[in-house]
PDB file of all heavy atoms in Angstrom:
ATOM      1  N   ARG A   1      80.273-228.593  50.918  1.00  0.00           N
ATOM      2  CA  ARG A   1      80.910-227.662  49.983  1.00  0.00           C
ATOM      3  C   ARG A   1      82.408-227.953  49.851  1.00  0.00           C
ATOM      4  O   ARG A   1      82.944-228.012  48.749  1.00  0.00           O
ATOM      5  CB  ARG A   1      80.704-226.213  50.414  1.00  0.00           C
ATOM      6  CG  ARG A   1      81.316-225.193  49.457  1.00  0.00           C
ATOM      7  CD  ARG A   1      81.190-223.772  49.964  1.00  0.00           C
ATOM      8  NE  ARG A   1      81.680-223.547  51.292  1.00  0.00           N
ATOM      9  CZ  ARG A   1      82.982-223.407  51.611  1.00  0.00           C
ATOM     10  NH1 ARG A   1      83.898-223.449  50.671  1.00  0.00           N
ATOM     11  NH2 ARG A   1      83.346-223.190  52.857  1.00  0.00           N
ATOM     12  N   LEU A   2      83.071-228.170  50.975  1.00  0.00           N
ATOM     13  CA  LEU A   2      84.525-228.426  50.936  1.00  0.00           C
ATOM     14  C   LEU A   2      84.858-229.733  50.211  1.00  0.00           C
ATOM     15  O   LEU A   2      85.769-229.776  49.375  1.00  0.00           O
ATOM     16  CB  LEU A   2      85.089-228.462  52.360  1.00  0.00           C
ATOM     17  CG  LEU A   2      85.074-227.133  53.110  1.00  0.00           C
ATOM     18  CD1 LEU A   2      85.438-227.334  54.574  1.00  0.00           C
ATOM     19  CD2 LEU A   2      86.001-226.138  52.444  1.00  0.00           C
ATOM     20  N   LEU A   3      84.113-230.792  50.507  1.00  0.00           N
ATOM     21  CA  LEU A   3      84.377-232.075  49.845  1.00  0.00           C
ATOM     22  C   LEU A   3      84.034-232.031  48.352  1.00  0.00           C
ATOM     23  O   LEU A   3      84.747-232.598  47.529  1.00  0.00           O
ATOM     24  CB  LEU A   3      83.610-233.201  50.544  1.00  0.00           C
ATOM     25  CG  LEU A   3      84.102-233.507  51.967  1.00  0.00           C
ATOM     26  CD1 LEU A   3      83.141-234.464  52.664  1.00  0.00           C
ATOM     27  CD2 LEU A   3      85.514-234.057  51.957  1.00  0.00           C
ATOM     28  N   ALA A   4      82.963-231.336  48.021  1.00  0.00           N
ATOM     29  CA  ALA A   4      82.607-231.181  46.603  1.00  0.00           C
ATOM     30  C   ALA A   4      83.692-230.403  45.859  1.00  0.00           C
ATOM     31  O   ALA A   4      84.076-230.774  44.745  1.00  0.00           O
ATOM     32  CB  ALA A   4      81.256-230.475  46.467  1.00  0.00           C
ATOM     33  N   THR A   5      84.195-229.349  46.483  1.00  0.00           N
ATOM     34  CA  THR A   5      85.261-228.554  45.870  1.00  0.00           C
ATOM     35  C   THR A   5      86.493-229.413  45.609  1.00  0.00           C
ATOM     36  O   THR A   5      87.075-229.365  44.522  1.00  0.00           O
ATOM     37  CB  THR A   5      85.619-227.362  46.790  1.00  0.00           C
ATOM     38  OG1 THR A   5      84.455-226.546  46.931  1.00  0.00           O
ATOM     39  CG2 THR A   5      86.743-226.543  46.211  1.00  0.00           C
ATOM     40  N   GLU A   6      86.893-230.205  46.584  1.00  0.00           N
ATOM     41  CA  GLU A   6      88.065-231.070  46.391  1.00  0.00           C
ATOM     42  C   GLU A   6      87.809-232.117  45.307  1.00  0.00           C
ATOM     43  O   GLU A   6      88.718-232.415  44.521  1.00  0.00           O
ATOM     44  CB  GLU A   6      88.449-231.734  47.709  1.00  0.00           C
ATOM     45  CG  GLU A   6      89.065-230.764  48.699  1.00  0.00           C
ATOM     46  CD  GLU A   6      90.215-229.961  48.105  1.00  0.00           C
ATOM     47  OE1 GLU A   6      91.140-230.549  47.497  1.00  0.00           O
ATOM     48  OE2 GLU A   6      90.184-228.715  48.219  1.00  0.00           O
ATOM     49  N   GLN A   7      86.604-232.648  45.230  1.00  0.00           N
ATOM     50  CA  GLN A   7      86.312-233.643  44.207  1.00  0.00           C
ATOM     51  C   GLN A   7      86.316-233.008  42.825  1.00  0.00           C
ATOM     52  O   GLN A   7      86.844-233.588  41.864  1.00  0.00           O
ATOM     53  CB  GLN A   7      84.964-234.309  44.470  1.00  0.00           C
ATOM     54  CG  GLN A   7      84.691-235.469  43.537  1.00  0.00           C
ATOM     55  CD  GLN A   7      85.704-236.594  43.731  1.00  0.00           C
ATOM     56  OE1 GLN A   7      85.799-237.180  44.785  1.00  0.00           O
ATOM     57  NE2 GLN A   7      86.499-236.863  42.703  1.00  0.00           N
ATOM     58  N   LEU A   8      85.756-231.819  42.696  1.00  0.00           N
ATOM     59  CA  LEU A   8      85.771-231.128  41.412  1.00  0.00           C
ATOM     60  C   LEU A   8      87.210-230.852  40.964  1.00  0.00           C
ATOM     61  O   LEU A   8      87.535-231.028  39.793  1.00  0.00           O
ATOM     62  CB  LEU A   8      84.969-229.826  41.490  1.00  0.00           C
ATOM     63  CG  LEU A   8      83.465-230.006  41.670  1.00  0.00           C
ATOM     64  CD1 LEU A   8      82.819-228.672  42.014  1.00  0.00           C
ATOM     65  CD2 LEU A   8      82.835-230.624  40.445  1.00  0.00           C
ATOM     66  N   ARG A   9      88.054-230.444  41.911  1.00  0.00           N
ATOM     67  CA  ARG A   9      89.476-230.236  41.575  1.00  0.00           C
ATOM     68  C   ARG A   9      90.115-231.533  41.096  1.00  0.00           C
ATOM     69  O   ARG A   9      90.852-231.553  40.117  1.00  0.00           O
ATOM     70  CB  ARG A   9      90.238-229.723  42.791  1.00  0.00           C
ATOM     71  CG  ARG A   9      90.092-228.277  43.051  1.00  0.00           C
ATOM     72  CD  ARG A   9      91.080-227.795  44.124  1.00  0.00           C
ATOM     73  NE  ARG A   9      90.854-226.399  44.387  1.00  0.00           N
ATOM     74  CZ  ARG A   9      90.402-225.910  45.527  1.00  0.00           C
ATOM     75  NH1 ARG A   9      90.174-226.699  46.549  1.00  0.00           N
ATOM     76  NH2 ARG A   9      90.214-224.618  45.661  1.00  0.00           N
ATOM     77  N   ALA A  10      89.837-232.631  41.787  1.00  0.00           N
ATOM     78  CA  ALA A  10      90.405-233.932  41.403  1.00  0.00           C
ATOM     79  C   ALA A  10      89.955-234.344  40.021  1.00  0.00           C
ATOM     80  O   ALA A  10      90.692-234.995  39.279  1.00  0.00           O
ATOM     81  CB  ALA A  10      90.030-234.990  42.439  1.00  0.00           C
ATOM     82  N   TRP A  11      88.725-234.006  39.674  1.00  0.00           N
ATOM     83  CA  TRP A  11      88.205-234.317  38.348  1.00  0.00           C
ATOM     84  C   TRP A  11      88.676-233.324  37.286  1.00  0.00           C
ATOM     85  O   TRP A  11      88.384-233.491  36.100  1.00  0.00           O
ATOM     86  CB  TRP A  11      86.677-234.345  38.361  1.00  0.00           C
ATOM     87  CG  TRP A  11      86.087-235.533  39.062  1.00  0.00           C
ATOM     88  CD1 TRP A  11      86.681-236.735  39.312  1.00  0.00           C
ATOM     89  CD2 TRP A  11      84.765-235.617  39.574  1.00  0.00           C
ATOM     90  NE1 TRP A  11      85.798-237.564  39.976  1.00  0.00           N
ATOM     91  CE2 TRP A  11      84.611-236.907  40.142  1.00  0.00           C
ATOM     92  CE3 TRP A  11      83.695-234.737  39.626  1.00  0.00           C
ATOM     93  CZ2 TRP A  11      83.430-237.331  40.729  1.00  0.00           C
ATOM     94  CZ3 TRP A  11      82.507-235.168  40.223  1.00  0.00           C
ATOM     95  CH2 TRP A  11      82.380-236.451  40.760  1.00  0.00           C
ATOM     96  N   GLY A  12      89.332-232.244  37.699  1.00  0.00           N
ATOM     97  CA  GLY A  12      89.792-231.226  36.759  1.00  0.00           C
ATOM     98  C   GLY A  12      88.670-230.356  36.233  1.00  0.00           C
ATOM     99  O   GLY A  12      88.758-229.835  35.122  1.00  0.00           O
ATOM    100  N   LEU A  13      87.633-230.170  37.027  1.00  0.00           N
ATOM    101  CA  LEU A  13      86.479-229.372  36.608  1.00  0.00           C
ATOM    102  C   LEU A  13      86.506-228.004  37.281  1.00  0.00           C
ATOM    103  O   LEU A  13      87.031-227.861  38.392  1.00  0.00           O
ATOM    104  CB  LEU A  13      85.181-230.086  36.957  1.00  0.00           C
ATOM    105  CG  LEU A  13      84.956-231.408  36.245  1.00  0.00           C
ATOM    106  CD1 LEU A  13      83.678-232.071  36.736  1.00  0.00           C
ATOM    107  CD2 LEU A  13      84.915-231.225  34.732  1.00  0.00           C
ATOM    108  N   PRO A  14      85.904-227.004  36.649  1.00  0.00           N
ATOM    109  CA  PRO A  14      85.836-225.675  37.270  1.00  0.00           C
ATOM    110  C   PRO A  14      85.001-225.698  38.545  1.00  0.00           C
ATOM    111  O   PRO A  14      84.013-226.432  38.625  1.00  0.00           O
ATOM    112  CB  PRO A  14      85.193-224.798  36.193  1.00  0.00           C
ATOM    113  CG  PRO A  14      84.586-225.725  35.204  1.00  0.00           C
ATOM    114  CD  PRO A  14      85.255-227.046  35.337  1.00  0.00           C
ATOM    115  N   LEU A  15      85.405-224.901  39.513  1.00  0.00           N
ATOM    116  CA  LEU A  15      84.687-224.847  40.785  1.00  0.00           C
ATOM    117  C   LEU A  15      83.410-224.011  40.679  1.00  0.00           C
ATOM    118  O   LEU A  15      82.444-224.267  41.386  1.00  0.00           O
ATOM    119  CB  LEU A  15      85.593-224.260  41.874  1.00  0.00           C
ATOM    120  CG  LEU A  15      86.895-225.024  42.126  1.00  0.00           C
ATOM    121  CD1 LEU A  15      87.675-224.361  43.258  1.00  0.00           C
ATOM    122  CD2 LEU A  15      86.657-226.474  42.379  1.00  0.00           C
ATOM    123  N   SER A  16      83.441-223.032  39.822  1.00  0.00           N
ATOM    124  CA  SER A  16      82.295-222.138  39.669  1.00  0.00           C
ATOM    125  C   SER A  16      81.445-222.605  38.486  1.00  0.00           C
ATOM    126  O   SER A  16      82.015-222.958  37.446  1.00  0.00           O
ATOM    127  CB  SER A  16      82.780-220.716  39.435  1.00  0.00           C
ATOM    128  OG  SER A  16      81.700-219.841  39.321  1.00  0.00           O
ATOM    129  N   PRO A  17      80.160-222.672  38.615  1.00  0.00           N
ATOM    130  CA  PRO A  17      79.310-222.273  39.730  1.00  0.00           C
ATOM    131  C   PRO A  17      78.947-223.430  40.678  1.00  0.00           C
ATOM    132  O   PRO A  17      78.185-223.245  41.616  1.00  0.00           O
ATOM    133  CB  PRO A  17      78.050-221.778  39.036  1.00  0.00           C
ATOM    134  CG  PRO A  17      77.905-222.714  37.856  1.00  0.00           C
ATOM    135  CD  PRO A  17      79.336-222.990  37.424  1.00  0.00           C
ATOM    136  N   ALA A  18      79.493-224.616  40.459  1.00  0.00           N
ATOM    137  CA  ALA A  18      79.088-225.795  41.223  1.00  0.00           C
ATOM    138  C   ALA A  18      79.290-225.616  42.719  1.00  0.00           C
ATOM    139  O   ALA A  18      78.445-226.040  43.525  1.00  0.00           O
ATOM    140  CB  ALA A  18      79.849-227.016  40.720  1.00  0.00           C
ATOM    141  N   GLU A  19      80.397-225.002  43.122  1.00  0.00           N
ATOM    142  CA  GLU A  19      80.684-224.819  44.547  1.00  0.00           C
ATOM    143  C   GLU A  19      79.562-224.046  45.233  1.00  0.00           C
ATOM    144  O   GLU A  19      79.102-224.414  46.314  1.00  0.00           O
ATOM    145  CB  GLU A  19      82.009-224.092  44.702  1.00  0.00           C
ATOM    146  CG  GLU A  19      82.412-223.837  46.125  1.00  0.00           C
ATOM    147  CD  GLU A  19      83.739-223.095  46.219  1.00  0.00           C
ATOM    148  OE1 GLU A  19      84.093-222.338  45.303  1.00  0.00           O
ATOM    149  OE2 GLU A  19      84.417-223.305  47.230  1.00  0.00           O
ATOM    150  N   GLN A  20      79.089-222.989  44.597  1.00  0.00           N
ATOM    151  CA  GLN A  20      78.004-222.174  45.181  1.00  0.00           C
ATOM    152  C   GLN A  20      76.684-222.933  45.196  1.00  0.00           C
ATOM    153  O   GLN A  20      75.918-222.859  46.161  1.00  0.00           O
ATOM    154  CB  GLN A  20      77.844-220.862  44.416  1.00  0.00           C
ATOM    155  CG  GLN A  20      76.833-219.922  45.029  1.00  0.00           C
ATOM    156  CD  GLN A  20      77.252-219.400  46.381  1.00  0.00           C
ATOM    157  OE1 GLN A  20      78.414-219.129  46.600  1.00  0.00           O
ATOM    158  NE2 GLN A  20      76.320-219.283  47.305  1.00  0.00           N
ATOM    159  N   ILE A  21      76.408-223.704  44.146  1.00  0.00           N
ATOM    160  CA  ILE A  21      75.179-224.491  44.094  1.00  0.00           C
ATOM    161  C   ILE A  21      75.169-225.532  45.207  1.00  0.00           C
ATOM    162  O   ILE A  21      74.166-225.696  45.911  1.00  0.00           O
ATOM    163  CB  ILE A  21      75.003-225.137  42.709  1.00  0.00           C
ATOM    164  CG1 ILE A  21      74.753-224.047  41.657  1.00  0.00           C
ATOM    165  CG2 ILE A  21      73.867-226.156  42.727  1.00  0.00           C
ATOM    166  CD1 ILE A  21      74.795-224.541  40.226  1.00  0.00           C
ATOM    167  N   VAL A  22      76.284-226.252  45.372  1.00  0.00           N
ATOM    168  CA  VAL A  22      76.376-227.242  46.471  1.00  0.00           C
ATOM    169  C   VAL A  22      76.137-226.552  47.804  1.00  0.00           C
ATOM    170  O   VAL A  22      75.388-227.046  48.648  1.00  0.00           O
ATOM    171  CB  VAL A  22      77.746-227.957  46.459  1.00  0.00           C
ATOM    172  CG1 VAL A  22      77.951-228.741  47.741  1.00  0.00           C
ATOM    173  CG2 VAL A  22      77.866-228.869  45.246  1.00  0.00           C
ATOM    174  N   SER A  23      76.755-225.408  47.998  1.00  0.00           N
ATOM    175  CA  SER A  23      76.602-224.673  49.259  1.00  0.00           C
ATOM    176  C   SER A  23      75.140-224.340  49.529  1.00  0.00           C
ATOM    177  O   SER A  23      74.644-224.557  50.648  1.00  0.00           O
ATOM    178  CB  SER A  23      77.448-223.403  49.218  1.00  0.00           C
ATOM    179  OG  SER A  23      77.301-222.685  50.419  1.00  0.00           O
ATOM    180  N   GLU A  24      74.453-223.816  48.539  1.00  0.00           N
ATOM    181  CA  GLU A  24      73.044-223.432  48.708  1.00  0.00           C
ATOM    182  C   GLU A  24      72.152-224.640  48.979  1.00  0.00           C
ATOM    183  O   GLU A  24      71.317-224.615  49.884  1.00  0.00           O
ATOM    184  CB  GLU A  24      72.539-222.658  47.493  1.00  0.00           C
ATOM    185  CG  GLU A  24      73.226-221.349  47.229  1.00  0.00           C
ATOM    186  CD  GLU A  24      73.039-220.305  48.302  1.00  0.00           C
ATOM    187  OE1 GLU A  24      72.117-220.422  49.136  1.00  0.00           O
ATOM    188  OE2 GLU A  24      73.837-219.347  48.320  1.00  0.00           O
ATOM    189  N   LEU A  25      72.322-225.722  48.199  1.00  0.00           N
ATOM    190  CA  LEU A  25      71.469-226.887  48.368  1.00  0.00           C
ATOM    191  C   LEU A  25      71.751-227.597  49.684  1.00  0.00           C
ATOM    192  O   LEU A  25      70.822-228.056  50.373  1.00  0.00           O
ATOM    193  CB  LEU A  25      71.640-227.862  47.197  1.00  0.00           C
ATOM    194  CG  LEU A  25      71.179-227.349  45.828  1.00  0.00           C
ATOM    195  CD1 LEU A  25      71.359-228.422  44.768  1.00  0.00           C
ATOM    196  CD2 LEU A  25      69.737-226.865  45.876  1.00  0.00           C
ATOM    197  N   ALA A  26      73.017-227.700  50.080  1.00  0.00           N
ATOM    198  CA  ALA A  26      73.347-228.343  51.342  1.00  0.00           C
ATOM    199  C   ALA A  26      72.847-227.520  52.539  1.00  0.00           C
ATOM    200  O   ALA A  26      72.341-228.071  53.516  1.00  0.00           O
ATOM    201  CB  ALA A  26      74.852-228.561  51.442  1.00  0.00           C
ATOM    202  N   THR A  27      72.966-226.206  52.438  1.00  0.00           N
ATOM    203  CA  THR A  27      72.458-225.342  53.502  1.00  0.00           C
ATOM    204  C   THR A  27      70.953-225.492  53.628  1.00  0.00           C
ATOM    205  O   THR A  27      70.413-225.557  54.743  1.00  0.00           O
ATOM    206  CB  THR A  27      72.846-223.877  53.244  1.00  0.00           C
ATOM    207  OG1 THR A  27      74.269-223.796  53.252  1.00  0.00           O
ATOM    208  CG2 THR A  27      72.267-222.944  54.293  1.00  0.00           C
ATOM    209  N   ASN A  28      70.257-225.566  52.497  1.00  0.00           N
ATOM    210  CA  ASN A  28      68.798-225.772  52.549  1.00  0.00           C
ATOM    211  C   ASN A  28      68.457-227.106  53.202  1.00  0.00           C
ATOM    212  O   ASN A  28      67.524-227.199  54.002  1.00  0.00           O
ATOM    213  CB  ASN A  28      68.195-225.709  51.157  1.00  0.00           C
ATOM    214  CG  ASN A  28      68.034-224.297  50.654  1.00  0.00           C
ATOM    215  OD1 ASN A  28      68.240-223.335  51.383  1.00  0.00           O
ATOM    216  ND2 ASN A  28      67.677-224.165  49.389  1.00  0.00           N
ATOM    217  N   ALA A  29      69.208-228.153  52.887  1.00  0.00           N
ATOM    218  CA  ALA A  29      68.946-229.474  53.486  1.00  0.00           C
ATOM    219  C   ALA A  29      69.178-229.444  54.994  1.00  0.00           C
ATOM    220  O   ALA A  29      68.411-230.011  55.761  1.00  0.00           O
ATOM    221  CB  ALA A  29      69.836-230.552  52.835  1.00  0.00           C
ATOM    222  N   ALA A  30      70.236-228.739  55.417  1.00  0.00           N
ATOM    223  CA  ALA A  30      70.546-228.654  56.842  1.00  0.00           C
ATOM    224  C   ALA A  30      69.572-227.747  57.583  1.00  0.00           C
ATOM    225  O   ALA A  30      69.338-227.944  58.778  1.00  0.00           O
ATOM    226  CB  ALA A  30      71.972-228.148  57.033  1.00  0.00           C
ATOM    227  N   THR A  31      68.981-226.798  56.879  1.00  0.00           N
ATOM    228  CA  THR A  31      68.071-225.840  57.524  1.00  0.00           C
ATOM    229  C   THR A  31      66.620-226.293  57.436  1.00  0.00           C
ATOM    230  O   THR A  31      65.919-226.369  58.440  1.00  0.00           O
ATOM    231  CB  THR A  31      68.210-224.458  56.868  1.00  0.00           C
ATOM    232  OG1 THR A  31      69.571-224.052  56.933  1.00  0.00           O
ATOM    233  CG2 THR A  31      67.327-223.429  57.549  1.00  0.00           C
ATOM    234  N   HIS A  32      66.142-226.589  56.225  1.00  0.00           N
ATOM    235  CA  HIS A  32      64.723-226.885  56.005  1.00  0.00           C
ATOM    236  C   HIS A  32      64.430-228.375  55.918  1.00  0.00           C
ATOM    237  O   HIS A  32      63.276-228.764  56.066  1.00  0.00           O
ATOM    238  CB  HIS A  32      64.249-226.198  54.723  1.00  0.00           C
ATOM    239  CG  HIS A  32      64.526-224.734  54.709  1.00  0.00           C
ATOM    240  ND1 HIS A  32      63.915-223.844  55.558  1.00  0.00           N
ATOM    241  CD2 HIS A  32      65.384-223.989  53.959  1.00  0.00           C
ATOM    242  CE1 HIS A  32      64.366-222.622  55.325  1.00  0.00           C
ATOM    243  NE2 HIS A  32      65.265-222.681  54.361  1.00  0.00           N
ATOM    244  N   GLY A  33      65.422-229.184  55.620  1.00  0.00           N
ATOM    245  CA  GLY A  33      65.214-230.622  55.465  1.00  0.00           C
ATOM    246  C   GLY A  33      65.696-231.426  56.643  1.00  0.00           C
ATOM    247  O   GLY A  33      65.744-232.644  56.600  1.00  0.00           O
ATOM    248  N   ARG A  34      66.004-230.760  57.695  1.00  0.00           N
ATOM    249  CA  ARG A  34      66.606-231.415  58.869  1.00  0.00           C
ATOM    250  C   ARG A  34      65.588-232.236  59.653  1.00  0.00           C
ATOM    251  O   ARG A  34      64.514-231.753  60.008  1.00  0.00           O
ATOM    252  CB  ARG A  34      67.203-230.357  59.778  1.00  0.00           C
ATOM    253  CG  ARG A  34      67.806-230.920  61.046  1.00  0.00           C
ATOM    254  CD  ARG A  34      68.340-229.779  61.924  1.00  0.00           C
ATOM    255  NE  ARG A  34      68.644-230.257  63.243  1.00  0.00           N
ATOM    256  CZ  ARG A  34      69.812-230.722  63.617  1.00  0.00           C
ATOM    257  NH1 ARG A  34      70.800-230.775  62.764  1.00  0.00           N
ATOM    258  NH2 ARG A  34      70.007-231.136  64.842  1.00  0.00           N
ATOM    259  N   VAL A  35      65.961-233.469  59.908  1.00  0.00           N
ATOM    260  CA  VAL A  35      65.249-234.337  60.852  1.00  0.00           C
ATOM    261  C   VAL A  35      66.338-234.893  61.771  1.00  0.00           C
ATOM    262  O   VAL A  35      67.287-235.510  61.271  1.00  0.00           O
ATOM    263  CB  VAL A  35      64.503-235.489  60.136  1.00  0.00           C
ATOM    264  CG1 VAL A  35      63.913-236.458  61.138  1.00  0.00           C
ATOM    265  CG2 VAL A  35      63.442-234.944  59.197  1.00  0.00           C
ATOM    266  N   PRO A  36      66.260-234.657  63.072  1.00  0.00           N
ATOM    267  CA  PRO A  36      67.302-235.140  63.963  1.00  0.00           C
ATOM    268  C   PRO A  36      67.549-236.638  63.777  1.00  0.00           C
ATOM    269  O   PRO A  36      66.618-237.442  63.686  1.00  0.00           O
ATOM    270  CB  PRO A  36      66.746-234.842  65.361  1.00  0.00           C
ATOM    271  CG  PRO A  36      65.838-233.673  65.137  1.00  0.00           C
ATOM    272  CD  PRO A  36      65.204-233.927  63.791  1.00  0.00           C
ATOM    273  N   GLY A  37      68.815-236.991  63.667  1.00  0.00           N
ATOM    274  CA  GLY A  37      69.205-238.393  63.506  1.00  0.00           C
ATOM    275  C   GLY A  37      69.190-238.904  62.080  1.00  0.00           C
ATOM    276  O   GLY A  37      69.541-240.040  61.836  1.00  0.00           O
ATOM    277  N   ARG A  38      68.791-238.063  61.123  1.00  0.00           N
ATOM    278  CA  ARG A  38      68.749-238.483  59.719  1.00  0.00           C
ATOM    279  C   ARG A  38      69.665-237.580  58.899  1.00  0.00           C
ATOM    280  O   ARG A  38      69.480-236.378  58.859  1.00  0.00           O
ATOM    281  CB  ARG A  38      67.327-238.406  59.158  1.00  0.00           C
ATOM    282  CG  ARG A  38      66.367-239.360  59.806  1.00  0.00           C
ATOM    283  CD  ARG A  38      65.041-239.267  59.118  1.00  0.00           C
ATOM    284  NE  ARG A  38      64.045-240.114  59.767  1.00  0.00           N
ATOM    285  CZ  ARG A  38      62.762-240.080  59.487  1.00  0.00           C
ATOM    286  NH1 ARG A  38      62.313-239.242  58.573  1.00  0.00           N
ATOM    287  NH2 ARG A  38      61.932-240.870  60.113  1.00  0.00           N
TER     288      ARG A  38
END
């Protein structure tokens, strides 16, 4: 989420709603898509 936010700022794009979408998808990957070492 933090890196996406900084990249969106660098591109001059609005943070909303992309910041929240990245947060939700990344959280899902870390929670439900987690395989140790991958």
